[in-house]
């Protein structure tokens, strides 16, 4: 359990090193960045590793043969078979975390979402992107969602996407995260659906239908992040200038916004997919080993939070 709110990515690593290692299944582990991250996490005591893929390539890529001996390598004929084997390992209780290696996200998620052999729970899957944002006042974590799964989310989808992101915030010790529902403007426009969805989500939160957070919107990005910008525009809100979660209108805006933090601002990142039986890590194949290591650490924290929350829920019933 996280007792103090995590505000930096390195604190995620520190927290993940506590307790027993989590077992991570890597689909198509013959990926240099993914394999490097897993071996680092193995050395740090964060994980035990189940590697599925081309065994010969995995051995060639691994820059630490001695450390690789501590992992279990499972040979697979191709990336698709590797994904199926990794998912089956989770279904069999042999792993608690799924990491994408050298396989396309769509191909992995197709197997995760398979009704018979996948990891579905009935919840909507969504990706929560986390970056560390240093400001003059303090450093804090900002979450952007959903830039990985849902193309054009409906209002009901956005409720679930929001709830998934709130769960990640709470796993990191933030009991009441502030959620900005983003649009291009901060007023409600009948011709702009994202502003209408934002207004409904805000009202639902105010009436207790979306608990565990403070929601406001529509907010433009400047109003969500800058108290000065909000003041200039006369916006009075507990969320304006202090948002922990940025809920975007669609996958395009979320994906572009998230990647802009990496390529324009050079911010470090982690992200985790919520809604399956276990956290699923779908970093871009272009992501660094550092971001994949941070994603593994984040996945471990989220997994244990979900286990604790599930136990508390059963006690209350």
Foldseek 3Di string as FASTA:
>chain_A
DAAAFDFALVVLVVVLLPDAAFEEQEQAALALLLLVLVLVCVVSRNHAYEYEEAVVSSCVSDPDNVSCVSHHYHYDPHRLRSLLVSQVCVVVVNGFEYEYGPDDPVSNVVQQPPPPRHFFDPADKFKWKWWWDQDPVGIGIAIFIGQPDFFADDLVNLLRRVLQNLLLSVLSPDQAFEEAQEDQAFDADPVDVSQVSLVVVQVCDVVPNRDRYHGHDDDHPQQQQCVVVCVVVPHDDPRGNPHRYYYYRGNVVRNVVSVCCCPVVVTAMEMWMDRGNAIYGYDDSPDGSRRSSSNSSSRSSSRVSVVVVVVVVVVVD
